Amino acid sequence: WNADAVEKREFAGKKAKLAAAELGKLSRRVSGKPVNFNAICHH
């Protein structure tokens, strides 16, 4: 395991969670429809 790669992965994961949370807030505010979080997480 490369520690640098792990750090990057964790950082990307945190960013993805934050982005998902923001999108969730926006989507609830705008349309009330659920967001497809899987599409976000796999990028």
N, C-alpha and C. Protein backbone atom coordinates (compact mmCIF):
# COMPACT_ATOMS: atom_id res chain seq x y z
N TRP A 1 0.84 -1.20 0.00
CA TRP A 1 0.00 0.00 0.00
C TRP A 1 0.87 1.25 0.00
N ASN A 2 0.49 2.19 -0.83
CA ASN A 2 1.19 3.46 -0.92
C ASN A 2 0.42 4.46 -0.06
N ALA A 3 1.08 4.97 0.98
CA ALA A 3 0.40 5.88 1.91
C ALA A 3 -0.14 7.11 1.17
N ASP A 4 0.62 7.58 0.18
CA ASP A 4 0.19 8.77 -0.56
C ASP A 4 -1.11 8.48 -1.31
N ALA A 5 -1.20 7.30 -1.89
CA ALA A 5 -2.41 6.92 -2.63
C ALA A 5 -3.60 6.82 -1.68
N VAL A 6 -3.35 6.28 -0.48
CA VAL A 6 -4.43 6.15 0.50
C VAL A 6 -4.94 7.53 0.90
N GLU A 7 -4.01 8.46 1.14
CA GLU A 7 -4.41 9.81 1.52
C GLU A 7 -5.24 10.46 0.43
N LYS A 8 -4.81 10.29 -0.81
CA LYS A 8 -5.55 10.88 -1.92
C LYS A 8 -6.94 10.28 -2.00
N ARG A 9 -7.03 8.96 -1.79
CA ARG A 9 -8.34 8.30 -1.86
C ARG A 9 -9.25 8.81 -0.75
N GLU A 10 -8.71 8.95 0.46
CA GLU A 10 -9.52 9.43 1.58
C GLU A 10 -9.98 10.86 1.33
N PHE A 11 -9.06 11.68 0.79
CA PHE A 11 -9.40 13.07 0.50
C PHE A 11 -10.50 13.13 -0.55
N ALA A 12 -10.38 12.31 -1.58
CA ALA A 12 -11.39 12.26 -2.64
C ALA A 12 -12.72 11.81 -2.07
N GLY A 13 -12.67 10.85 -1.14
CA GLY A 13 -13.90 10.36 -0.52
C GLY A 13 -14.59 11.45 0.28
N LYS A 14 -13.79 12.23 1.03
CA LYS A 14 -14.37 13.33 1.80
C LYS A 14 -14.99 14.36 0.88
N LYS A 15 -14.28 14.67 -0.20
CA LYS A 15 -14.80 15.65 -1.16
C LYS A 15 -16.10 15.14 -1.77
N ALA A 16 -16.14 13.84 -2.08
CA ALA A 16 -17.35 13.25 -2.68
C ALA A 16 -18.52 13.33 -1.70
N LYS A 17 -18.24 13.07 -0.42
CA LYS A 17 -19.31 13.13 0.58
C LYS A 17 -19.84 14.55 0.72
N LEU A 18 -18.91 15.52 0.74
CA LEU A 18 -19.32 16.91 0.84
C LEU A 18 -20.15 17.31 -0.37
N ALA A 19 -19.69 16.91 -1.55
CA ALA A 19 -20.40 17.24 -2.78
C ALA A 19 -21.79 16.60 -2.77
N ALA A 20 -21.86 15.36 -2.30
CA ALA A 20 -23.14 14.66 -2.24
C ALA A 20 -24.08 15.37 -1.27
N ALA A 21 -23.54 15.82 -0.14
CA ALA A 21 -24.37 16.52 0.84
C ALA A 21 -24.89 17.82 0.26
N GLU A 22 -24.02 18.56 -0.44
CA GLU A 22 -24.43 19.81 -1.06
C GLU A 22 -25.50 19.56 -2.12
N LEU A 23 -25.27 18.55 -2.95
CA LEU A 23 -26.24 18.21 -4.00
C LEU A 23 -27.56 17.79 -3.37
N GLY A 24 -27.47 17.07 -2.26
CA GLY A 24 -28.68 16.63 -1.58
C GLY A 24 -29.49 17.82 -1.09
N LYS A 25 -28.80 18.81 -0.50
CA LYS A 25 -29.49 20.01 -0.03
C LYS A 25 -30.14 20.74 -1.20
N LEU A 26 -29.35 20.91 -2.27
CA LEU A 26 -29.86 21.63 -3.44
C LEU A 26 -31.05 20.91 -4.04
N SER A 27 -30.94 19.59 -4.20
CA SER A 27 -32.01 18.84 -4.86
C SER A 27 -33.28 18.87 -4.02
N ARG A 28 -33.14 18.79 -2.69
CA ARG A 28 -34.32 18.84 -1.83
C ARG A 28 -34.97 20.22 -1.93
N ARG A 29 -34.13 21.26 -1.97
CA ARG A 29 -34.63 22.62 -2.03
C ARG A 29 -35.35 22.86 -3.36
N VAL A 30 -34.73 22.37 -4.43
CA VAL A 30 -35.24 22.69 -5.77
C VAL A 30 -36.40 21.79 -6.17
N SER A 31 -36.22 20.48 -6.06
CA SER A 31 -37.22 19.58 -6.63
C SER A 31 -37.81 18.59 -5.64
N GLY A 32 -37.08 18.29 -4.56
CA GLY A 32 -37.55 17.29 -3.62
C GLY A 32 -37.32 15.88 -4.10
N LYS A 33 -36.63 15.73 -5.24
CA LYS A 33 -36.36 14.39 -5.76
C LYS A 33 -35.08 13.84 -5.14
N PRO A 34 -35.02 12.52 -4.93
CA PRO A 34 -33.78 11.93 -4.42
C PRO A 34 -32.68 12.00 -5.47
N VAL A 35 -31.44 12.12 -5.00
CA VAL A 35 -30.30 12.18 -5.90
C VAL A 35 -29.69 10.79 -6.02
N ASN A 36 -29.18 10.46 -7.20
CA ASN A 36 -28.50 9.18 -7.39
C ASN A 36 -27.07 9.32 -6.88
N PHE A 37 -26.85 8.96 -5.61
CA PHE A 37 -25.54 9.14 -5.00
C PHE A 37 -24.50 8.19 -5.58
N ASN A 38 -24.94 7.04 -6.11
CA ASN A 38 -23.99 6.10 -6.69
C ASN A 38 -23.24 6.72 -7.86
N ALA A 39 -23.92 7.53 -8.64
CA ALA A 39 -23.29 8.17 -9.80
C ALA A 39 -22.17 9.09 -9.34
N ILE A 40 -22.37 9.73 -8.17
CA ILE A 40 -21.36 10.65 -7.65
C ILE A 40 -20.18 9.86 -7.09
N CYS A 41 -20.47 8.82 -6.32
CA CYS A 41 -19.43 8.10 -5.60
C CYS A 41 -18.45 7.39 -6.52
N HIS A 42 -18.89 6.98 -7.70
CA HIS A 42 -18.02 6.18 -8.56
C HIS A 42 -17.10 7.02 -9.43
N HIS A 43 -17.17 8.35 -9.32
CA HIS A 43 -16.29 9.19 -10.14
C HIS A 43 -14.96 9.41 -9.44
